[in-house]
C-alpha atoms as a PDB file:
ATOM      1  CA  MET A   1     -24.583 -33.027  48.725  1.00  0.00           C
ATOM      2  CA  SER A   2     -27.316 -30.526  47.845  1.00  0.00           C
ATOM      3  CA  ARG A   3     -27.555 -31.801  44.262  1.00  0.00           C
ATOM      4  CA  GLU A   4     -27.942 -35.370  45.483  1.00  0.00           C
ATOM      5  CA  PHE A   5     -30.782 -34.212  47.692  1.00  0.00           C
ATOM      6  CA  GLU A   6     -32.421 -32.455  44.746  1.00  0.00           C
ATOM      7  CA  PHE A   7     -32.206 -35.606  42.637  1.00  0.00           C
ATOM      8  CA  ALA A   8     -33.841 -37.603  45.449  1.00  0.00           C
ATOM      9  CA  GLN A   9     -36.660 -35.068  45.842  1.00  0.00           C
ATOM     10  CA  LEU A  10     -37.210 -34.942  42.101  1.00  0.00           C
ATOM     11  CA  LEU A  11     -37.332 -38.715  41.785  1.00  0.00           C
ATOM     12  CA  ARG A  12     -39.734 -38.978  44.703  1.00  0.00           C
ATOM     13  CA  ALA A  13     -42.093 -36.438  43.142  1.00  0.00           C
ATOM     14  CA  TYR A  14     -41.993 -38.285  39.812  1.00  0.00           C
ATOM     15  CA  ARG A  15     -42.688 -41.678  41.390  1.00  0.00           C
ATOM     16  CA  LYS A  16     -45.657 -40.246  43.282  1.00  0.00           C
ATOM     17  CA  GLY A  17     -47.087 -38.837  40.069  1.00  0.00           C
ATOM     18  CA  ILE A  18     -46.640 -35.235  41.169  1.00  0.00           C
ATOM     19  CA  LEU A  19     -44.336 -34.522  38.226  1.00  0.00           C
ATOM     20  CA  SER A  20     -45.134 -35.543  34.663  1.00  0.00           C
ATOM     21  CA  GLU A  21     -42.532 -37.449  32.665  1.00  0.00           C
ATOM     22  CA  LYS A  22     -41.798 -34.349  30.587  1.00  0.00           C
ATOM     23  CA  ALA A  23     -41.355 -32.155  33.673  1.00  0.00           C
ATOM     24  CA  PHE A  24     -39.160 -34.807  35.263  1.00  0.00           C
ATOM     25  CA  GLU A  25     -36.908 -34.977  32.201  1.00  0.00           C
ATOM     26  CA  GLU A  26     -36.627 -31.188  32.031  1.00  0.00           C
ATOM     27  CA  GLU A  27     -35.628 -30.940  35.674  1.00  0.00           C
ATOM     28  CA  MET A  28     -33.153 -33.799  35.338  1.00  0.00           C
ATOM     29  CA  THR A  29     -31.563 -32.042  32.373  1.00  0.00           C
ATOM     30  CA  ARG A  30     -31.305 -28.832  34.352  1.00  0.00           C
ATOM     31  CA  LEU A  31     -29.664 -30.563  37.315  1.00  0.00           C
ATOM     32  CA  GLU A  32     -27.293 -32.619  35.190  1.00  0.00           C
ATOM     33  CA  GLY A  33     -26.269 -29.476  33.360  1.00  0.00           C
ATOM     34  CA  GLY A  34     -25.260 -27.881  36.624  1.00  0.00           C
ATOM     35  CA  ALA A  35     -28.104 -25.368  36.808  1.00  0.00           C
ATOM     36  CA  CYS A  36     -25.837 -22.700  35.336  1.00  0.00           C
ATOM     37  CA  GLY A  37     -27.875 -19.708  36.418  1.00  0.00           C
ATOM     38  CA  GLY A  38     -28.428 -20.889  39.973  1.00  0.00           C
ATOM     39  CA  PHE A  39     -31.618 -20.289  41.942  1.00  0.00           C
ATOM     40  CA  ILE A  40     -32.496 -16.615  42.298  1.00  0.00           C
ATOM     41  CA  ALA A  41     -34.580 -15.588  45.308  1.00  0.00           C
ATOM     42  CA  MET A  42     -34.705 -12.736  47.831  1.00  0.00           C
ATOM     43  CA  GLY A  43     -32.312 -10.709  45.702  1.00  0.00           C
ATOM     44  CA  LYS A  44     -29.608 -13.373  45.851  1.00  0.00           C
ATOM     45  CA  THR A  45     -28.439 -16.279  43.725  1.00  0.00           C
ATOM     46  CA  TYR A  46     -28.227 -19.662  45.436  1.00  0.00           C
ATOM     47  CA  ALA A  47     -26.537 -22.813  44.170  1.00  0.00           C
ATOM     48  CA  SER A  48     -29.850 -24.682  44.325  1.00  0.00           C
ATOM     49  CA  GLU A  49     -33.482 -24.431  45.324  1.00  0.00           C
ATOM     50  CA  ARG A  50     -32.644 -26.409  48.444  1.00  0.00           C
ATOM     51  CA  ASP A  51     -30.054 -23.849  49.526  1.00  0.00           C
ATOM     52  CA  ALA A  52     -32.543 -21.018  49.044  1.00  0.00           C
ATOM     53  CA  ILE A  53     -35.180 -22.804  51.104  1.00  0.00           C
ATOM     54  CA  VAL A  54     -32.722 -23.481  53.911  1.00  0.00           C
ATOM     55  CA  ALA A  55     -31.635 -19.830  53.940  1.00  0.00           C
ATOM     56  CA  TYR A  56     -35.251 -18.661  53.966  1.00  0.00           C
ATOM     57  CA  LEU A  57     -36.262 -20.961  56.815  1.00  0.00           C
ATOM     58  CA  GLN A  58     -33.212 -20.042  58.849  1.00  0.00           C
ATOM     59  CA  ARG A  59     -34.015 -16.364  58.366  1.00  0.00           C
ATOM     60  CA  VAL A  60     -37.611 -16.582  59.593  1.00  0.00           C
ATOM     61  CA  ARG A  61     -37.180 -19.212  62.301  1.00  0.00           C
ATOM     62  CA  ASN A  62     -35.716 -16.972  64.999  1.00  0.00           C
ATOM     63  CA  GLY A  63     -38.295 -14.297  64.307  1.00  0.00           C
ATOM     64  CA  GLU A  64     -41.113 -16.786  64.824  1.00  0.00           C
ATOM     65  CA  ALA A  65     -39.531 -17.963  68.072  1.00  0.00           C
ATOM     66  CA  ALA A  66     -39.257 -14.383  69.323  1.00  0.00           C
ATOM     67  CA  GLY A  67     -42.869 -13.718  68.363  1.00  0.00           C
ATOM     68  CA  ALA A  68     -44.077 -16.742  70.305  1.00  0.00           C
ATOM     69  CA  ARG A  69     -42.131 -15.667  73.380  1.00  0.00           C
ATOM     70  CA  ALA A  70     -43.161 -12.018  73.200  1.00  0.00           C
ATOM     71  CA  LEU A  71     -46.869 -12.682  72.668  1.00  0.00           C
ATOM     72  CA  GLU A  72     -47.096 -15.281  75.418  1.00  0.00           C
ATOM     73  CA  GLN A  73     -45.471 -12.865  77.875  1.00  0.00           C
ATOM     74  CA  TRP A  74     -47.690 -10.032  76.659  1.00  0.00           C
ATOM     75  CA  ALA A  75     -50.797 -12.163  77.266  1.00  0.00           C
ATOM     76  CA  GLN A  76     -49.698 -12.628  80.877  1.00  0.00           C
ATOM     77  CA  VAL A  77     -49.724  -8.859  81.531  1.00  0.00           C
ATOM     78  CA  CYS A  78     -52.448  -7.844  79.030  1.00  0.00           C
ATOM     79  CA  LYS A  79     -54.995  -5.461  80.565  1.00  0.00           C
ATOM     80  CA  THR A  80     -57.550  -5.726  77.743  1.00  0.00           C
ATOM     81  CA  ASP A  81     -59.642  -8.765  78.621  1.00  0.00           C
ATOM     82  CA  CYS A  82     -60.860  -9.582  75.114  1.00  0.00           C
ATOM     83  CA  MET A  83     -57.312  -9.597  73.719  1.00  0.00           C
ATOM     84  CA  ARG A  84     -55.727 -12.300  75.878  1.00  0.00           C
ATOM     85  CA  SER A  85     -57.028 -15.332  74.018  1.00  0.00           C
ATOM     86  CA  GLY A  86     -56.126 -13.740  70.694  1.00  0.00           C
ATOM     87  CA  LEU A  87     -52.563 -13.153  71.867  1.00  0.00           C
ATOM     88  CA  ARG A  88     -52.299 -16.705  73.182  1.00  0.00           C
ATOM     89  CA  THR A  89     -53.672 -18.124  69.942  1.00  0.00           C
ATOM     90  CA  ILE A  90     -51.147 -16.242  67.812  1.00  0.00           C
ATOM     91  CA  ALA A  91     -48.339 -17.141  70.241  1.00  0.00           C
ATOM     92  CA  GLU A  92     -49.238 -20.813  69.744  1.00  0.00           C
ATOM     93  CA  ARG A  93     -49.172 -20.344  65.982  1.00  0.00           C
ATOM     94  CA  GLU A  94     -45.695 -18.838  66.150  1.00  0.00           C
ATOM     95  CA  ALA A  95     -44.503 -21.642  68.412  1.00  0.00           C
ATOM     96  CA  TYR A  96     -45.716 -24.434  66.157  1.00  0.00           C
ATOM     97  CA  HIS A  97     -44.239 -22.655  63.146  1.00  0.00           C
ATOM     98  CA  VAL A  98     -40.863 -22.949  64.863  1.00  0.00           C
ATOM     99  CA  ARG A  99     -41.366 -26.668  65.455  1.00  0.00           C
ATOM    100  CA  VAL A 100     -42.388 -27.299  61.838  1.00  0.00           C
ATOM    101  CA  ILE A 101     -39.494 -25.210  60.499  1.00  0.00           C
ATOM    102  CA  ASP A 102     -37.034 -27.116  62.687  1.00  0.00           C
ATOM    103  CA  ARG A 103     -38.358 -30.432  61.383  1.00  0.00           C
ATOM    104  CA  LYS A 104     -38.122 -29.272  57.777  1.00  0.00           C
ATOM    105  CA  LEU A 105     -34.574 -28.008  58.269  1.00  0.00           C
ATOM    106  CA  ASN A 106     -33.703 -31.374  59.756  1.00  0.00           C
ATOM    107  CA  ASP A 107     -35.217 -33.097  56.698  1.00  0.00           C
ATOM    108  CA  LEU A 108     -32.994 -30.894  54.548  1.00  0.00           C
ATOM    109  CA  GLY A 109     -29.903 -31.798  56.534  1.00  0.00           C
ATOM    110  CA  ALA A 110     -29.640 -28.316  58.024  1.00  0.00           C
ATOM    111  CA  ARG A 111     -30.353 -26.587  61.294  1.00  0.00           C
ATOM    112  CA  CYS A 112     -30.830 -23.123  62.699  1.00  0.00           C
ATOM    113  CA  GLU A 113     -28.936 -22.012  65.760  1.00  0.00           C
ATOM    114  CA  PRO A 114     -30.695 -19.343  67.848  1.00  0.00           C
ATOM    115  CA  ALA A 115     -28.998 -16.040  67.052  1.00  0.00           C
ATOM    116  CA  ALA A 116     -28.417 -13.181  69.469  1.00  0.00           C
ATOM    117  CA  ASP A 117     -30.293 -10.107  68.281  1.00  0.00           C
ATOM    118  CA  PRO A 118     -30.521  -7.001  70.493  1.00  0.00           C
ATOM    119  CA  GLU A 119     -33.493  -5.669  68.502  1.00  0.00           C
ATOM    120  CA  ILE A 120     -35.457  -8.869  69.103  1.00  0.00           C
ATOM    121  CA  ASP A 121     -34.548  -8.746  72.791  1.00  0.00           C
ATOM    122  CA  ARG A 122     -35.855  -5.173  72.997  1.00  0.00           C
ATOM    123  CA  PHE A 123     -39.074  -6.182  71.248  1.00  0.00           C
ATOM    124  CA  VAL A 124     -39.712  -9.052  73.665  1.00  0.00           C
ATOM    125  CA  SER A 125     -38.911  -6.810  76.626  1.00  0.00           C
ATOM    126  CA  MET A 126     -41.351  -4.134  75.478  1.00  0.00           C
ATOM    127  CA  GLN A 127     -44.188  -6.543  74.770  1.00  0.00           C
ATOM    128  CA  SER A 128     -43.836  -8.120  78.230  1.00  0.00           C
ATOM    129  CA  ASP A 129     -43.637  -4.785  80.081  1.00  0.00           C
ATOM    130  CA  PRO A 130     -46.821  -4.304  82.191  1.00  0.00           C
ATOM    131  CA  ASN A 131     -46.221  -0.535  82.264  1.00  0.00           C
ATOM    132  CA  ILE A 132     -46.630  -0.165  78.490  1.00  0.00           C
ATOM    133  CA  SER A 133     -50.229   0.012  77.280  1.00  0.00           C
ATOM    134  CA  ASP A 134     -51.724  -2.635  75.033  1.00  0.00           C
ATOM    135  CA  LEU A 135     -52.394   0.047  72.428  1.00  0.00           C
ATOM    136  CA  ASP A 136     -48.737   1.119  72.350  1.00  0.00           C
ATOM    137  CA  LYS A 137     -47.730  -2.522  71.919  1.00  0.00           C
ATOM    138  CA  LEU A 138     -50.189  -2.910  69.066  1.00  0.00           C
ATOM    139  CA  ARG A 139     -48.904   0.273  67.462  1.00  0.00           C
ATOM    140  CA  ARG A 140     -45.359  -1.057  67.503  1.00  0.00           C
ATOM    141  CA  ILE A 141     -46.431  -4.258  65.745  1.00  0.00           C
ATOM    142  CA  THR A 142     -48.610  -2.547  63.141  1.00  0.00           C
ATOM    143  CA  SER A 143     -46.377   0.464  62.479  1.00  0.00           C
ATOM    144  CA  SER A 144     -44.488  -1.218  59.641  1.00  0.00           C
ATOM    145  CA  PHE A 145     -47.422  -2.295  57.467  1.00  0.00           C
ATOM    146  CA  ALA A 146     -50.776  -1.022  56.262  1.00  0.00           C
ATOM    147  CA  ASN A 147     -52.501  -4.313  55.477  1.00  0.00           C
ATOM    148  CA  ALA A 148     -52.088  -8.064  55.695  1.00  0.00           C
ATOM    149  CA  ASP A 149     -51.641  -8.507  51.947  1.00  0.00           C
ATOM    150  CA  GLU A 150     -48.371  -6.586  51.849  1.00  0.00           C
ATOM    151  CA  VAL A 151     -46.979  -8.717  54.684  1.00  0.00           C
ATOM    152  CA  VAL A 152     -47.621 -12.071  53.022  1.00  0.00           C
ATOM    153  CA  LYS A 153     -46.891 -11.019  49.425  1.00  0.00           C
ATOM    154  CA  PRO A 154     -43.129 -11.749  49.681  1.00  0.00           C
ATOM    155  CA  ILE A 155     -43.900 -15.176  51.168  1.00  0.00           C
ATOM    156  CA  TYR A 156     -46.130 -16.106  48.247  1.00  0.00           C
ATOM    157  CA  GLU A 157     -43.561 -14.758  45.809  1.00  0.00           C
ATOM    158  CA  PHE A 158     -40.995 -17.132  47.266  1.00  0.00           C
ATOM    159  CA  VAL A 159     -43.517 -19.997  47.293  1.00  0.00           C
ATOM    160  CA  ASP A 160     -44.153 -19.460  43.575  1.00  0.00           C
ATOM    161  CA  LEU A 161     -40.444 -19.923  42.867  1.00  0.00           C
ATOM    162  CA  ILE A 162     -40.341 -23.393  44.428  1.00  0.00           C
ATOM    163  CA  LYS A 163     -40.710 -26.107  41.791  1.00  0.00           C
ATOM    164  CA  GLN A 164     -39.041 -29.197  43.280  1.00  0.00           C
ATOM    165  CA  ASP A 165     -39.519 -29.329  47.053  1.00  0.00           C
ATOM    166  CA  LEU A 166     -43.298 -29.452  47.075  1.00  0.00           C
ATOM    167  CA  ASP A 167     -43.318 -30.241  50.783  1.00  0.00           C
ATOM    168  CA  ALA A 168     -41.616 -26.923  51.565  1.00  0.00           C
ATOM    169  CA  LYS A 169     -43.890 -25.171  49.079  1.00  0.00           C
ATOM    170  CA  GLU A 170     -47.042 -26.312  50.871  1.00  0.00           C
ATOM    171  CA  MET A 171     -45.571 -25.664  54.321  1.00  0.00           C
ATOM    172  CA  LEU A 172     -44.713 -22.063  53.435  1.00  0.00           C
ATOM    173  CA  ALA A 173     -48.107 -21.480  51.802  1.00  0.00           C
ATOM    174  CA  LEU A 174     -49.835 -22.574  54.999  1.00  0.00           C
ATOM    175  CA  TRP A 175     -47.491 -20.394  57.030  1.00  0.00           C
ATOM    176  CA  ALA A 176     -48.492 -17.415  54.865  1.00  0.00           C
ATOM    177  CA  GLU A 177     -52.161 -18.082  55.609  1.00  0.00           C
ATOM    178  CA  ASP A 178     -51.453 -18.091  59.341  1.00  0.00           C
ATOM    179  CA  GLU A 179     -49.464 -14.859  59.070  1.00  0.00           C
ATOM    180  CA  TYR A 180     -52.297 -13.233  57.122  1.00  0.00           C
ATOM    181  CA  SER A 181     -54.817 -14.149  59.809  1.00  0.00           C
ATOM    182  CA  SER A 182     -52.560 -12.924  62.614  1.00  0.00           C
ATOM    183  CA  ILE A 183     -51.837  -9.587  60.930  1.00  0.00           C
ATOM    184  CA  LYS A 184     -55.546  -9.018  60.263  1.00  0.00           C
ATOM    185  CA  TRP A 185     -56.239  -9.575  63.953  1.00  0.00           C
ATOM    186  CA  PHE A 186     -53.554  -7.106  65.037  1.00  0.00           C
ATOM    187  CA  LEU A 187     -54.888  -4.456  62.652  1.00  0.00           C
ATOM    188  CA  HIS A 188     -58.459  -4.966  63.859  1.00  0.00           C
ATOM    189  CA  ALA A 189     -57.351  -4.797  67.490  1.00  0.00           C
ATOM    190  CA  CYS A 190     -55.311  -1.640  66.948  1.00  0.00           C
ATOM    191  CA  ALA A 191     -58.190   0.093  65.159  1.00  0.00           C
ATOM    192  CA  ALA A 192     -60.662  -0.968  67.824  1.00  0.00           C
ATOM    193  CA  LEU A 193     -58.528   0.557  70.557  1.00  0.00           C
ATOM    194  CA  GLY A 194     -58.248   3.816  68.638  1.00  0.00           C
ATOM    195  CA  GLY A 195     -54.809   3.293  67.169  1.00  0.00           C
ATOM    196  CA  ALA A 196     -55.597   3.797  63.482  1.00  0.00           C
ATOM    197  CA  ALA A 197     -58.315   4.425  60.976  1.00  0.00           C
ATOM    198  CA  GLN A 198     -59.824   1.221  59.649  1.00  0.00           C
ATOM    199  CA  SER A 199     -62.469   0.161  57.186  1.00  0.00           C
ATOM    200  CA  PRO A 200     -65.999  -0.472  58.550  1.00  0.00           C
ATOM    201  CA  ALA A 201     -65.885  -1.894  62.058  1.00  0.00           C
ATOM    202  CA  ASP A 202     -67.084  -5.369  62.763  1.00  0.00           C
ATOM    203  CA  SER A 203     -68.290  -6.906  66.002  1.00  0.00           C
ATOM    204  CA  ARG A 204     -64.750  -7.552  67.175  1.00  0.00           C
ATOM    205  CA  HIS A 205     -64.028  -3.825  67.030  1.00  0.00           C
ATOM    206  CA  GLU A 206     -67.091  -3.039  69.085  1.00  0.00           C
ATOM    207  CA  ALA A 207     -66.289  -5.689  71.680  1.00  0.00           C
ATOM    208  CA  MET A 208     -62.739  -4.442  72.168  1.00  0.00           C
ATOM    209  CA  ALA A 209     -63.781  -0.803  72.321  1.00  0.00           C
ATOM    210  CA  SER A 210     -66.419  -1.688  74.873  1.00  0.00           C
ATOM    211  CA  ALA A 211     -63.896  -3.574  76.968  1.00  0.00           C
ATOM    212  CA  GLN A 212     -61.697  -0.473  77.174  1.00  0.00           C
ATOM    213  CA  THR A 213     -64.529   1.581  78.678  1.00  0.00           C
ATOM    214  CA  HIS A 214     -65.364  -0.838  81.484  1.00  0.00           C
END
């Protein structure tokens, strides 16, 4: 089933001129030979590129859904005026990521069932709690990374591995750009509210800091 899908994707790319004749022949030889080594990604070996992509999308899908829910609820109780639209914007990004991932999984003949995760439930509960300060919420989000580059690096590493499903490759590259922008905003917001040291402040820092004093 998965190999048939790979053949179809490969043929489509060749017919559209995305793959050269030489590249097409090399990939056909690899598939016909059974791809002995498998597809290695995320520290695991998958039977095919398609299987790795499905596993990757299934892994991130529920996290994106939780992010959309948590940020939308946070925006509703946010006490820092200049943060609300930022939270709503990022919540919308997370929500449309879920929709695009679901469509791609459907294209791949797969799906992702929402999974129960107590840690995610606790995260959503904290972010929607009006008694927890916006700074504490920002600190929780930014506590696991120092910069946006380290967050998106693993995404781009996986993107670089994709050779056949160019649709998934472009989708994930665009997702990485969105994640980079969102993480930069969270870091700026946290620094502006006094949560961490940051490189030279820009106007957004000053606006947020000013909002906290009024």
